[in-house]
Amino acid sequence: MGTLFYDGADGFTFDDRVLAHLQAVIATKLRRREGFLLLWMDRTAAPDATLRSIWLDPSISLQFVFAHPTLPELNRDWLTILTEKANGNGGLHLDDDLRAEIREEVPEGTYRSARKRVVD
């Protein structure tokens, strides 16, 4: 598990694969000087999940710390989905289903096919 340290906070843990994809999307947005909202269900802080949200802005300190010495391979489809979400009005809502696919707990493409069914 990697950790996202944000503005002096204790840190938020994510699977290294998830964190690597977040890092790529966040770095792109901040490099363009675009702030946005990141939301996720934090299941590490308490017995019950807590909805967390942070405003990411180029002026706020941010650090990514990975548990392993090499970054996981990035998946272009997941980056596209995360970027689309980050560019939307609701911010980047990191759904549990997408996180499960990125962690390889469900087959690749599961999130996208489920999303198409909801939209249709």
PDB file of N, CA and C in Angstrom:
ATOM      1  N   MET A   1       0.839  -1.179   0.000  1.00  0.00           N
ATOM      2  CA  MET A   1       0.000   0.000   0.000  1.00  0.00           C
ATOM      3  C   MET A   1       0.887   1.247   0.000  1.00  0.00           C
ATOM      4  N   GLY A   2       0.567   2.158  -0.897  1.00  0.00           N
ATOM      5  CA  GLY A   2       1.268   3.424  -0.956  1.00  0.00           C
ATOM      6  C   GLY A   2       0.478   4.484  -0.192  1.00  0.00           C
ATOM      7  N   THR A   3       1.060   5.643  -0.049  1.00  0.00           N
ATOM      8  CA  THR A   3       0.423   6.713   0.708  1.00  0.00           C
ATOM      9  C   THR A   3       0.472   8.015  -0.067  1.00  0.00           C
ATOM     10  N   LEU A   4      -0.637   8.731  -0.040  1.00  0.00           N
ATOM     11  CA  LEU A   4      -0.726  10.067  -0.608  1.00  0.00           C
ATOM     12  C   LEU A   4      -0.717  11.043   0.566  1.00  0.00           C
ATOM     13  N   PHE A   5       0.343  11.840   0.658  1.00  0.00           N
ATOM     14  CA  PHE A   5       0.441  12.864   1.703  1.00  0.00           C
ATOM     15  C   PHE A   5      -0.020  14.179   1.094  1.00  0.00           C
ATOM     16  N   TYR A   6      -0.953  14.825   1.775  1.00  0.00           N
ATOM     17  CA  TYR A   6      -1.577  16.016   1.231  1.00  0.00           C
ATOM     18  C   TYR A   6      -1.566  17.132   2.269  1.00  0.00           C
ATOM     19  N   ASP A   7      -0.898  18.226   1.965  1.00  0.00           N
ATOM     20  CA  ASP A   7      -0.921  19.436   2.789  1.00  0.00           C
ATOM     21  C   ASP A   7      -0.646  19.160   4.270  1.00  0.00           C
ATOM     22  N   GLY A   8       0.361  18.324   4.539  1.00  0.00           N
ATOM     23  CA  GLY A   8       0.745  18.064   5.921  1.00  0.00           C
ATOM     24  C   GLY A   8      -0.146  17.060   6.643  1.00  0.00           C
ATOM     25  N   ALA A   9      -1.139  16.476   5.966  1.00  0.00           N
ATOM     26  CA  ALA A   9      -2.015  15.483   6.605  1.00  0.00           C
ATOM     27  C   ALA A   9      -1.218  14.214   6.881  1.00  0.00           C
ATOM     28  N   ASP A  10      -1.765  13.353   7.722  1.00  0.00           N
ATOM     29  CA  ASP A  10      -1.113  12.095   8.067  1.00  0.00           C
ATOM     30  C   ASP A  10      -0.904  11.207   6.846  1.00  0.00           C
ATOM     31  N   GLY A  11      -1.743  11.315   5.868  1.00  0.00           N
ATOM     32  CA  GLY A  11      -1.610  10.522   4.651  1.00  0.00           C
ATOM     33  C   GLY A  11      -2.804   9.613   4.446  1.00  0.00           C
ATOM     34  N   PHE A  12      -3.046   9.290   3.192  1.00  0.00           N
ATOM     35  CA  PHE A  12      -4.150   8.439   2.806  1.00  0.00           C
ATOM     36  C   PHE A  12      -3.568   7.263   2.033  1.00  0.00           C
ATOM     37  N   THR A  13      -3.967   6.048   2.393  1.00  0.00           N
ATOM     38  CA  THR A  13      -3.379   4.874   1.767  1.00  0.00           C
ATOM     39  C   THR A  13      -4.200   4.401   0.576  1.00  0.00           C
ATOM     40  N   PHE A  14      -3.476   3.977  -0.446  1.00  0.00           N
ATOM     41  CA  PHE A  14      -4.048   3.409  -1.657  1.00  0.00           C
ATOM     42  C   PHE A  14      -3.139   2.267  -2.098  1.00  0.00           C
ATOM     43  N   ASP A  15      -3.699   1.306  -2.779  1.00  0.00           N
ATOM     44  CA  ASP A  15      -2.904   0.278  -3.417  1.00  0.00           C
ATOM     45  C   ASP A  15      -1.917   0.956  -4.359  1.00  0.00           C
ATOM     46  N   ASP A  16      -0.693   0.435  -4.469  1.00  0.00           N
ATOM     47  CA  ASP A  16       0.329   1.053  -5.333  1.00  0.00           C
ATOM     48  C   ASP A  16      -0.152   1.245  -6.766  1.00  0.00           C
ATOM     49  N   ARG A  17      -0.902   0.264  -7.311  1.00  0.00           N
ATOM     50  CA  ARG A  17      -1.407   0.393  -8.691  1.00  0.00           C
ATOM     51  C   ARG A  17      -2.372   1.564  -8.803  1.00  0.00           C
ATOM     52  N   VAL A  18      -3.259   1.701  -7.833  1.00  0.00           N
ATOM     53  CA  VAL A  18      -4.213   2.810  -7.828  1.00  0.00           C
ATOM     54  C   VAL A  18      -3.458   4.122  -7.674  1.00  0.00           C
ATOM     55  N   LEU A  19      -2.526   4.155  -6.733  1.00  0.00           N
ATOM     56  CA  LEU A  19      -1.767   5.380  -6.474  1.00  0.00           C
ATOM     57  C   LEU A  19      -0.955   5.815  -7.695  1.00  0.00           C
ATOM     58  N   ALA A  20      -0.386   4.875  -8.419  1.00  0.00           N
ATOM     59  CA  ALA A  20       0.387   5.216  -9.623  1.00  0.00           C
ATOM     60  C   ALA A  20      -0.507   5.867 -10.679  1.00  0.00           C
ATOM     61  N   HIS A  21      -1.717   5.363 -10.840  1.00  0.00           N
ATOM     62  CA  HIS A  21      -2.646   5.957 -11.803  1.00  0.00           C
ATOM     63  C   HIS A  21      -3.119   7.330 -11.327  1.00  0.00           C
ATOM     64  N   LEU A  22      -3.382   7.452 -10.044  1.00  0.00           N
ATOM     65  CA  LEU A  22      -3.741   8.769  -9.496  1.00  0.00           C
ATOM     66  C   LEU A  22      -2.607   9.763  -9.708  1.00  0.00           C
ATOM     67  N   GLN A  23      -1.385   9.331  -9.449  1.00  0.00           N
ATOM     68  CA  GLN A  23      -0.229  10.222  -9.616  1.00  0.00           C
ATOM     69  C   GLN A  23      -0.156  10.746 -11.049  1.00  0.00           C
ATOM     70  N   ALA A  24      -0.339   9.885 -12.025  1.00  0.00           N
ATOM     71  CA  ALA A  24      -0.253  10.302 -13.428  1.00  0.00           C
ATOM     72  C   ALA A  24      -1.328  11.331 -13.766  1.00  0.00           C
ATOM     73  N   VAL A  25      -2.554  11.087 -13.328  1.00  0.00           N
ATOM     74  CA  VAL A  25      -3.659  12.001 -13.632  1.00  0.00           C
ATOM     75  C   VAL A  25      -3.501  13.316 -12.867  1.00  0.00           C
ATOM     76  N   ILE A  26      -3.181  13.220 -11.589  1.00  0.00           N
ATOM     77  CA  ILE A  26      -3.019  14.422 -10.762  1.00  0.00           C
ATOM     78  C   ILE A  26      -1.869  15.278 -11.277  1.00  0.00           C
ATOM     79  N   ALA A  27      -0.752  14.654 -11.613  1.00  0.00           N
ATOM     80  CA  ALA A  27       0.401  15.407 -12.112  1.00  0.00           C
ATOM     81  C   ALA A  27       0.055  16.155 -13.397  1.00  0.00           C
ATOM     82  N   THR A  28      -0.688  15.515 -14.277  1.00  0.00           N
ATOM     83  CA  THR A  28      -1.093  16.171 -15.528  1.00  0.00           C
ATOM     84  C   THR A  28      -1.979  17.375 -15.250  1.00  0.00           C
ATOM     85  N   LYS A  29      -2.969  17.200 -14.378  1.00  0.00           N
ATOM     86  CA  LYS A  29      -3.879  18.308 -14.048  1.00  0.00           C
ATOM     87  C   LYS A  29      -3.115  19.462 -13.390  1.00  0.00           C
ATOM     88  N   LEU A  30      -2.254  19.157 -12.443  1.00  0.00           N
ATOM     89  CA  LEU A  30      -1.548  20.213 -11.722  1.00  0.00           C
ATOM     90  C   LEU A  30      -0.499  20.894 -12.596  1.00  0.00           C
ATOM     91  N   ARG A  31       0.100  20.132 -13.510  1.00  0.00           N
ATOM     92  CA  ARG A  31       1.056  20.725 -14.446  1.00  0.00           C
ATOM     93  C   ARG A  31       0.355  21.774 -15.319  1.00  0.00           C
ATOM     94  N   ARG A  32      -0.911  21.551 -15.595  1.00  0.00           N
ATOM     95  CA  ARG A  32      -1.714  22.505 -16.382  1.00  0.00           C
ATOM     96  C   ARG A  32      -2.306  23.613 -15.506  1.00  0.00           C
ATOM     97  N   ARG A  33      -1.960  23.578 -14.216  1.00  0.00           N
ATOM     98  CA  ARG A  33      -2.454  24.562 -13.241  1.00  0.00           C
ATOM     99  C   ARG A  33      -3.964  24.463 -13.048  1.00  0.00           C
ATOM    100  N   GLU A  34      -4.500  23.236 -13.135  1.00  0.00           N
ATOM    101  CA  GLU A  34      -5.927  22.985 -12.976  1.00  0.00           C
ATOM    102  C   GLU A  34      -6.184  22.312 -11.631  1.00  0.00           C
ATOM    103  N   GLY A  35      -6.912  22.985 -10.777  1.00  0.00           N
ATOM    104  CA  GLY A  35      -7.322  22.388  -9.519  1.00  0.00           C
ATOM    105  C   GLY A  35      -8.569  21.540  -9.735  1.00  0.00           C
ATOM    106  N   PHE A  36      -8.781  20.548  -8.860  1.00  0.00           N
ATOM    107  CA  PHE A  36      -9.970  19.706  -8.968  1.00  0.00           C
ATOM    108  C   PHE A  36     -10.180  18.958  -7.660  1.00  0.00           C
ATOM    109  N   LEU A  37     -11.353  18.356  -7.529  1.00  0.00           N
ATOM    110  CA  LEU A  37     -11.737  17.627  -6.338  1.00  0.00           C
ATOM    111  C   LEU A  37     -11.459  16.136  -6.523  1.00  0.00           C
ATOM    112  N   LEU A  38     -10.888  15.489  -5.508  1.00  0.00           N
ATOM    113  CA  LEU A  38     -10.696  14.041  -5.488  1.00  0.00           C
ATOM    114  C   LEU A  38     -11.540  13.485  -4.352  1.00  0.00           C
ATOM    115  N   LEU A  39     -12.412  12.518  -4.671  1.00  0.00           N
ATOM    116  CA  LEU A  39     -13.295  11.890  -3.678  1.00  0.00           C
ATOM    117  C   LEU A  39     -13.103  10.381  -3.698  1.00  0.00           C
ATOM    118  N   TRP A  40     -13.154   9.750  -2.520  1.00  0.00           N
ATOM    119  CA  TRP A  40     -13.074   8.293  -2.441  1.00  0.00           C
ATOM    120  C   TRP A  40     -13.609   7.830  -1.098  1.00  0.00           C
ATOM    121  N   MET A  41     -13.958   6.546  -1.040  1.00  0.00           N
ATOM    122  CA  MET A  41     -14.368   5.932   0.217  1.00  0.00           C
ATOM    123  C   MET A  41     -13.109   5.410   0.896  1.00  0.00           C
ATOM    124  N   ASP A  42     -12.816   5.943   2.066  1.00  0.00           N
ATOM    125  CA  ASP A  42     -11.639   5.533   2.831  1.00  0.00           C
ATOM    126  C   ASP A  42     -12.072   4.441   3.800  1.00  0.00           C
ATOM    127  N   ARG A  43     -11.574   3.245   3.579  1.00  0.00           N
ATOM    128  CA  ARG A  43     -11.939   2.107   4.419  1.00  0.00           C
ATOM    129  C   ARG A  43     -10.835   1.756   5.420  1.00  0.00           C
ATOM    130  N   THR A  44      -9.810   2.617   5.514  1.00  0.00           N
ATOM    131  CA  THR A  44      -8.678   2.320   6.393  1.00  0.00           C
ATOM    132  C   THR A  44      -8.751   3.047   7.727  1.00  0.00           C
ATOM    133  N   ALA A  45      -9.514   4.133   7.813  1.00  0.00           N
ATOM    134  CA  ALA A  45      -9.478   4.987   8.999  1.00  0.00           C
ATOM    135  C   ALA A  45     -10.386   4.520  10.128  1.00  0.00           C
ATOM    136  N   ALA A  46     -11.465   3.840   9.808  1.00  0.00           N
ATOM    137  CA  ALA A  46     -12.443   3.474  10.830  1.00  0.00           C
ATOM    138  C   ALA A  46     -13.120   2.163  10.430  1.00  0.00           C
ATOM    139  N   PRO A  47     -13.889   1.567  11.348  1.00  0.00           N
ATOM    140  CA  PRO A  47     -14.583   0.329  10.996  1.00  0.00           C
ATOM    141  C   PRO A  47     -15.544   0.531   9.812  1.00  0.00           C
ATOM    142  N   ASP A  48     -16.182   1.682   9.782  1.00  0.00           N
ATOM    143  CA  ASP A  48     -17.067   2.007   8.665  1.00  0.00           C
ATOM    144  C   ASP A  48     -16.325   2.891   7.677  1.00  0.00           C
ATOM    145  N   ALA A  49     -16.691   2.785   6.432  1.00  0.00           N
ATOM    146  CA  ALA A  49     -16.055   3.611   5.398  1.00  0.00           C
ATOM    147  C   ALA A  49     -16.389   5.082   5.627  1.00  0.00           C
ATOM    148  N   THR A  50     -15.425   5.929   5.291  1.00  0.00           N
ATOM    149  CA  THR A  50     -15.593   7.372   5.404  1.00  0.00           C
ATOM    150  C   THR A  50     -15.422   7.972   4.023  1.00  0.00           C
ATOM    151  N   LEU A  51     -16.384   8.804   3.622  1.00  0.00           N
ATOM    152  CA  LEU A  51     -16.235   9.507   2.353  1.00  0.00           C
ATOM    153  C   LEU A  51     -15.256  10.651   2.562  1.00  0.00           C
ATOM    154  N   ARG A  52     -14.187  10.646   1.801  1.00  0.00           N
ATOM    155  CA  ARG A  52     -13.175  11.702   1.894  1.00  0.00           C
ATOM    156  C   ARG A  52     -13.168  12.493   0.605  1.00  0.00           C
ATOM    157  N   SER A  53     -12.863  13.760   0.730  1.00  0.00           N
ATOM    158  CA  SER A  53     -12.655  14.581  -0.459  1.00  0.00           C
ATOM    159  C   SER A  53     -11.584  15.618  -0.134  1.00  0.00           C
ATOM    160  N   ILE A  54     -10.728  15.847  -1.109  1.00  0.00           N
ATOM    161  CA  ILE A  54      -9.696  16.876  -0.961  1.00  0.00           C
ATOM    162  C   ILE A  54      -9.657  17.687  -2.249  1.00  0.00           C
ATOM    163  N   TRP A  55      -9.405  18.961  -2.100  1.00  0.00           N
ATOM    164  CA  TRP A  55      -9.239  19.838  -3.249  1.00  0.00           C
ATOM    165  C   TRP A  55      -7.758  19.833  -3.617  1.00  0.00           C
ATOM    166  N   LEU A  56      -7.458  19.418  -4.826  1.00  0.00           N
ATOM    167  CA  LEU A  56      -6.079  19.378  -5.286  1.00  0.00           C
ATOM    168  C   LEU A  56      -5.801  20.627  -6.097  1.00  0.00           C
ATOM    169  N   ASP A  57      -4.750  21.322  -5.722  1.00  0.00           N
ATOM    170  CA  ASP A  57      -4.395  22.591  -6.342  1.00  0.00           C
ATOM    171  C   ASP A  57      -2.871  22.664  -6.431  1.00  0.00           C
ATOM    172  N   PRO A  58      -2.346  23.286  -7.481  1.00  0.00           N
ATOM    173  CA  PRO A  58      -0.885  23.360  -7.625  1.00  0.00           C
ATOM    174  C   PRO A  58      -0.167  24.030  -6.444  1.00  0.00           C
ATOM    175  N   SER A  59      -0.884  24.832  -5.662  1.00  0.00           N
ATOM    176  CA  SER A  59      -0.241  25.546  -4.560  1.00  0.00           C
ATOM    177  C   SER A  59      -0.163  24.729  -3.271  1.00  0.00           C
ATOM    178  N   ILE A  60      -0.769  23.542  -3.256  1.00  0.00           N
ATOM    179  CA  ILE A  60      -0.819  22.725  -2.046  1.00  0.00           C
ATOM    180  C   ILE A  60       0.181  21.571  -2.163  1.00  0.00           C
ATOM    181  N   SER A  61       0.941  21.344  -1.099  1.00  0.00           N
ATOM    182  CA  SER A  61       1.975  20.306  -1.138  1.00  0.00           C
ATOM    183  C   SER A  61       1.356  18.910  -1.208  1.00  0.00           C
ATOM    184  N   LEU A  62       1.990  18.081  -2.033  1.00  0.00           N
ATOM    185  CA  LEU A  62       1.482  16.749  -2.319  1.00  0.00           C
ATOM    186  C   LEU A  62       2.669  15.813  -2.499  1.00  0.00           C
ATOM    187  N   GLN A  63       2.594  14.625  -1.904  1.00  0.00           N
ATOM    188  CA  GLN A  63       3.688  13.658  -2.035  1.00  0.00           C
ATOM    189  C   GLN A  63       3.096  12.268  -2.188  1.00  0.00           C
ATOM    190  N   PHE A  64       3.660  11.496  -3.110  1.00  0.00           N
ATOM    191  CA  PHE A  64       3.255  10.115  -3.345  1.00  0.00           C
ATOM    192  C   PHE A  64       4.376   9.212  -2.839  1.00  0.00           C
ATOM    193  N   VAL A  65       4.064   8.307  -1.942  1.00  0.00           N
ATOM    194  CA  VAL A  65       5.057   7.372  -1.411  1.00  0.00           C
ATOM    195  C   VAL A  65       4.563   5.957  -1.703  1.00  0.00           C
ATOM    196  N   PHE A  66       5.370   5.214  -2.457  1.00  0.00           N
ATOM    197  CA  PHE A  66       4.983   3.873  -2.872  1.00  0.00           C
ATOM    198  C   PHE A  66       5.633   2.828  -1.980  1.00  0.00           C
ATOM    199  N   ALA A  67       4.930   1.725  -1.765  1.00  0.00           N
ATOM    200  CA  ALA A  67       5.448   0.642  -0.930  1.00  0.00           C
ATOM    201  C   ALA A  67       6.559  -0.127  -1.635  1.00  0.00           C
ATOM    202  N   HIS A  68       6.508  -0.164  -2.965  1.00  0.00           N
ATOM    203  CA  HIS A  68       7.497  -0.918  -3.733  1.00  0.00           C
ATOM    204  C   HIS A  68       8.416   0.036  -4.495  1.00  0.00           C
ATOM    205  N   PRO A  69       9.629  -0.396  -4.783  1.00  0.00           N
ATOM    206  CA  PRO A  69      10.610   0.496  -5.418  1.00  0.00           C
ATOM    207  C   PRO A  69      10.357   0.772  -6.903  1.00  0.00           C
ATOM    208  N   THR A  70       9.491   0.002  -7.549  1.00  0.00           N
ATOM    209  CA  THR A  70       9.195   0.257  -8.958  1.00  0.00           C
ATOM    210  C   THR A  70       7.707   0.566  -9.122  1.00  0.00           C
ATOM    211  N   LEU A  71       7.420   1.491 -10.037  1.00  0.00           N
ATOM    212  CA  LEU A  71       6.029   1.845 -10.288  1.00  0.00           C
ATOM    213  C   LEU A  71       5.336   0.742 -11.083  1.00  0.00           C
ATOM    214  N   PRO A  72       4.078   0.476 -10.752  1.00  0.00           N
ATOM    215  CA  PRO A  72       3.320  -0.481 -11.548  1.00  0.00           C
ATOM    216  C   PRO A  72       3.099   0.071 -12.965  1.00  0.00           C
ATOM    217  N   GLU A  73       2.887  -0.831 -13.911  1.00  0.00           N
ATOM    218  CA  GLU A  73       2.605  -0.420 -15.284  1.00  0.00           C
ATOM    219  C   GLU A  73       1.259   0.291 -15.328  1.00  0.00           C
ATOM    220  N   LEU A  74       1.205   1.370 -16.088  1.00  0.00           N
ATOM    221  CA  LEU A  74      -0.033   2.145 -16.199  1.00  0.00           C
ATOM    222  C   LEU A  74      -0.893   1.599 -17.333  1.00  0.00           C
ATOM    223  N   ASN A  75      -2.201   1.623 -17.113  1.00  0.00           N
ATOM    224  CA  ASN A  75      -3.164   1.161 -18.093  1.00  0.00           C
ATOM    225  C   ASN A  75      -3.831   2.383 -18.721  1.00  0.00           C
ATOM    226  N   ARG A  76      -3.722   2.514 -20.026  1.00  0.00           N
ATOM    227  CA  ARG A  76      -4.248   3.686 -20.742  1.00  0.00           C
ATOM    228  C   ARG A  76      -5.762   3.846 -20.544  1.00  0.00           C
ATOM    229  N   ASP A  77      -6.508   2.734 -20.528  1.00  0.00           N
ATOM    230  CA  ASP A  77      -7.964   2.821 -20.335  1.00  0.00           C
ATOM    231  C   ASP A  77      -8.311   3.411 -18.968  1.00  0.00           C
ATOM    232  N   TRP A  78      -7.600   2.953 -17.947  1.00  0.00           N
ATOM    233  CA  TRP A  78      -7.872   3.477 -16.606  1.00  0.00           C
ATOM    234  C   TRP A  78      -7.488   4.947 -16.510  1.00  0.00           C
ATOM    235  N   LEU A  79      -6.382   5.320 -17.153  1.00  0.00           N
ATOM    236  CA  LEU A  79      -5.986   6.733 -17.160  1.00  0.00           C
ATOM    237  C   LEU A  79      -7.041   7.583 -17.854  1.00  0.00           C
ATOM    238  N   THR A  80      -7.596   7.087 -18.950  1.00  0.00           N
ATOM    239  CA  THR A  80      -8.640   7.808 -19.665  1.00  0.00           C
ATOM    240  C   THR A  80      -9.866   8.005 -18.779  1.00  0.00           C
ATOM    241  N   ILE A  81     -10.287   6.942 -18.105  1.00  0.00           N
ATOM    242  CA  ILE A  81     -11.457   7.029 -17.224  1.00  0.00           C
ATOM    243  C   ILE A  81     -11.209   8.020 -16.094  1.00  0.00           C
ATOM    244  N   LEU A  82     -10.055   7.920 -15.443  1.00  0.00           N
ATOM    245  CA  LEU A  82      -9.742   8.825 -14.330  1.00  0.00           C
ATOM    246  C   LEU A  82      -9.635  10.269 -14.805  1.00  0.00           C
ATOM    247  N   THR A  83      -9.042  10.489 -15.974  1.00  0.00           N
ATOM    248  CA  THR A  83      -8.913  11.846 -16.512  1.00  0.00           C
ATOM    249  C   THR A  83     -10.281  12.427 -16.836  1.00  0.00           C
ATOM    250  N   GLU A  84     -11.155  11.623 -17.446  1.00  0.00           N
ATOM    251  CA  GLU A  84     -12.516  12.086 -17.742  1.00  0.00           C
ATOM    252  C   GLU A  84     -13.227  12.511 -16.462  1.00  0.00           C
ATOM    253  N   LYS A  85     -13.085  11.703 -15.421  1.00  0.00           N
ATOM    254  CA  LYS A  85     -13.710  12.031 -14.144  1.00  0.00           C
ATOM    255  C   LYS A  85     -13.117  13.320 -13.559  1.00  0.00           C
ATOM    256  N   ALA A  86     -11.801  13.445 -13.601  1.00  0.00           N
ATOM    257  CA  ALA A  86     -11.135  14.630 -13.045  1.00  0.00           C
ATOM    258  C   ALA A  86     -11.552  15.897 -13.789  1.00  0.00           C
ATOM    259  N   ASN A  87     -11.863  15.769 -15.069  1.00  0.00           N
ATOM    260  CA  ASN A  87     -12.274  16.920 -15.871  1.00  0.00           C
ATOM    261  C   ASN A  87     -13.751  17.256 -15.708  1.00  0.00           C
ATOM    262  N   GLY A  88     -14.520  16.379 -15.070  1.00  0.00           N
ATOM    263  CA  GLY A  88     -15.954  16.598 -14.900  1.00  0.00           C
ATOM    264  C   GLY A  88     -16.257  17.554 -13.758  1.00  0.00           C
ATOM    265  N   ASN A  89     -17.497  18.028 -13.719  1.00  0.00           N
ATOM    266  CA  ASN A  89     -17.924  18.974 -12.694  1.00  0.00           C
ATOM    267  C   ASN A  89     -17.894  18.385 -11.285  1.00  0.00           C
ATOM    268  N   GLY A  90     -18.101  17.071 -11.166  1.00  0.00           N
ATOM    269  CA  GLY A  90     -18.130  16.437  -9.850  1.00  0.00           C
ATOM    270  C   GLY A  90     -16.765  16.064  -9.315  1.00  0.00           C
ATOM    271  N   GLY A  91     -15.723  16.290 -10.092  1.00  0.00           N
ATOM    272  CA  GLY A  91     -14.381  15.931  -9.662  1.00  0.00           C
ATOM    273  C   GLY A  91     -14.087  14.466  -9.912  1.00  0.00           C
ATOM    274  N   LEU A  92     -12.908  14.050  -9.501  1.00  0.00           N
ATOM    275  CA  LEU A  92     -12.470  12.675  -9.704  1.00  0.00           C
ATOM    276  C   LEU A  92     -12.992  11.831  -8.551  1.00  0.00           C
ATOM    277  N   HIS A  93     -14.134  11.181  -8.786  1.00  0.00           N
ATOM    278  CA  HIS A  93     -14.693  10.285  -7.775  1.00  0.00           C
ATOM    279  C   HIS A  93     -14.130   8.909  -8.045  1.00  0.00           C
ATOM    280  N   LEU A  94     -13.253   8.450  -7.184  1.00  0.00           N
ATOM    281  CA  LEU A  94     -12.569   7.169  -7.344  1.00  0.00           C
ATOM    282  C   LEU A  94     -13.477   6.069  -6.794  1.00  0.00           C
ATOM    283  N   ASP A  95     -14.320   5.520  -7.668  1.00  0.00           N
ATOM    284  CA  ASP A  95     -15.289   4.497  -7.283  1.00  0.00           C
ATOM    285  C   ASP A  95     -14.602   3.227  -6.774  1.00  0.00           C
ATOM    286  N   ASP A  96     -15.250   2.544  -5.852  1.00  0.00           N
ATOM    287  CA  ASP A  96     -14.734   1.270  -5.352  1.00  0.00           C
ATOM    288  C   ASP A  96     -14.595   0.249  -6.480  1.00  0.00           C
ATOM    289  N   ASP A  97     -15.561   0.239  -7.421  1.00  0.00           N
ATOM    290  CA  ASP A  97     -15.515  -0.730  -8.520  1.00  0.00           C
ATOM    291  C   ASP A  97     -14.296  -0.511  -9.405  1.00  0.00           C
ATOM    292  N   LEU A  98     -13.993   0.740  -9.711  1.00  0.00           N
ATOM    293  CA  LEU A  98     -12.818   1.034 -10.530  1.00  0.00           C
ATOM    294  C   LEU A  98     -11.546   0.697  -9.765  1.00  0.00           C
ATOM    295  N   ARG A  99     -11.499   1.013  -8.490  1.00  0.00           N
ATOM    296  CA  ARG A  99     -10.326   0.678  -7.684  1.00  0.00           C
ATOM    297  C   ARG A  99     -10.094  -0.826  -7.666  1.00  0.00           C
ATOM    298  N   ALA A 100     -11.177  -1.614  -7.585  1.00  0.00           N
ATOM    299  CA  ALA A 100     -11.059  -3.072  -7.587  1.00  0.00           C
ATOM    300  C   ALA A 100     -10.470  -3.565  -8.908  1.00  0.00           C
ATOM    301  N   GLU A 101     -10.887  -2.947 -10.018  1.00  0.00           N
ATOM    302  CA  GLU A 101     -10.340  -3.360 -11.308  1.00  0.00           C
ATOM    303  C   GLU A 101      -8.867  -2.984 -11.420  1.00  0.00           C
ATOM    304  N   ILE A 102      -8.519  -1.805 -10.981  1.00  0.00           N
ATOM    305  CA  ILE A 102      -7.117  -1.387 -11.036  1.00  0.00           C
ATOM    306  C   ILE A 102      -6.253  -2.296 -10.159  1.00  0.00           C
ATOM    307  N   ARG A 103      -6.786  -2.705  -9.019  1.00  0.00           N
ATOM    308  CA  ARG A 103      -6.042  -3.624  -8.135  1.00  0.00           C
ATOM    309  C   ARG A 103      -6.041  -5.053  -8.674  1.00  0.00           C
ATOM    310  N   GLU A 104      -6.715  -5.268  -9.801  1.00  0.00           N
ATOM    311  CA  GLU A 104      -6.826  -6.574 -10.458  1.00  0.00           C
ATOM    312  C   GLU A 104      -7.613  -7.573  -9.626  1.00  0.00           C
ATOM    313  N   GLU A 105      -8.619  -7.093  -8.897  1.00  0.00           N
ATOM    314  CA  GLU A 105      -9.498  -7.977  -8.135  1.00  0.00           C
ATOM    315  C   GLU A 105     -10.681  -8.429  -8.981  1.00  0.00           C
ATOM    316  N   VAL A 106     -10.962  -7.716 -10.056  1.00  0.00           N
ATOM    317  CA  VAL A 106     -12.000  -8.100 -11.020  1.00  0.00           C
ATOM    318  C   VAL A 106     -11.372  -8.003 -12.407  1.00  0.00           C
ATOM    319  N   PRO A 107     -11.923  -8.697 -13.395  1.00  0.00           N
ATOM    320  CA  PRO A 107     -11.315  -8.681 -14.735  1.00  0.00           C
ATOM    321  C   PRO A 107     -11.283  -7.281 -15.347  1.00  0.00           C
ATOM    322  N   GLU A 108     -10.204  -7.013 -16.106  1.00  0.00           N
ATOM    323  CA  GLU A 108     -10.060  -5.734 -16.786  1.00  0.00           C
ATOM    324  C   GLU A 108     -11.236  -5.526 -17.733  1.00  0.00           C
ATOM    325  N   GLY A 109     -11.771  -4.321 -17.761  1.00  0.00           N
ATOM    326  CA  GLY A 109     -12.906  -3.996 -18.615  1.00  0.00           C
ATOM    327  C   GLY A 109     -14.233  -4.098 -17.889  1.00  0.00           C
ATOM    328  N   THR A 110     -14.238  -4.675 -16.684  1.00  0.00           N
ATOM    329  CA  THR A 110     -15.472  -4.840 -15.916  1.00  0.00           C
ATOM    330  C   THR A 110     -16.105  -3.490 -15.597  1.00  0.00           C
ATOM    331  N   TYR A 111     -15.308  -2.549 -15.137  1.00  0.00           N
ATOM    332  CA  TYR A 111     -15.837  -1.238 -14.775  1.00  0.00           C
ATOM    333  C   TYR A 111     -16.415  -0.534 -15.999  1.00  0.00           C
ATOM    334  N   ARG A 112     -15.672  -0.544 -17.091  1.00  0.00           N
ATOM    335  CA  ARG A 112     -16.113   0.148 -18.305  1.00  0.00           C
ATOM    336  C   ARG A 112     -17.399  -0.474 -18.842  1.00  0.00           C
ATOM    337  N   SER A 113     -17.509  -1.800 -18.868  1.00  0.00           N
ATOM    338  CA  SER A 113     -18.720  -2.429 -19.396  1.00  0.00           C
ATOM    339  C   SER A 113     -19.909  -2.169 -18.466  1.00  0.00           C
ATOM    340  N   ALA A 114     -19.683  -2.145 -17.164  1.00  0.00           N
ATOM    341  CA  ALA A 114     -20.765  -1.833 -16.226  1.00  0.00           C
ATOM    342  C   ALA A 114     -21.205  -0.385 -16.390  1.00  0.00           C
ATOM    343  N   ARG A 115     -20.264   0.503 -16.650  1.00  0.00           N
ATOM    344  CA  ARG A 115     -20.559   1.925 -16.845  1.00  0.00           C
ATOM    345  C   ARG A 115     -21.386   2.129 -18.109  1.00  0.00           C
ATOM    346  N   LYS A 116     -21.087   1.384 -19.166  1.00  0.00           N
ATOM    347  CA  LYS A 116     -21.858   1.498 -20.404  1.00  0.00           C
ATOM    348  C   LYS A 116     -23.295   1.050 -20.197  1.00  0.00           C
ATOM    349  N   ARG A 117     -23.504  -0.018 -19.402  1.00  0.00           N
ATOM    350  CA  ARG A 117     -24.864  -0.495 -19.132  1.00  0.00           C
ATOM    351  C   ARG A 117     -25.671   0.543 -18.374  1.00  0.00           C
ATOM    352  N   VAL A 118     -25.046   1.241 -17.420  1.00  0.00           N
ATOM    353  CA  VAL A 118     -25.753   2.267 -16.648  1.00  0.00           C
ATOM    354  C   VAL A 118     -26.123   3.439 -17.537  1.00  0.00           C
ATOM    355  N   VAL A 119     -25.221   3.829 -18.450  1.00  0.00           N
ATOM    356  CA  VAL A 119     -25.446   4.966 -19.334  1.00  0.00           C
ATOM    357  C   VAL A 119     -26.516   4.646 -20.371  1.00  0.00           C
ATOM    358  N   ASP A 120     -26.529   3.398 -20.910  1.00  0.00           N
ATOM    359  CA  ASP A 120     -27.488   3.016 -21.966  1.00  0.00           C
ATOM    360  C   ASP A 120     -28.901   3.002 -21.507  1.00  0.00           C
TER     361      ASP A 120
END
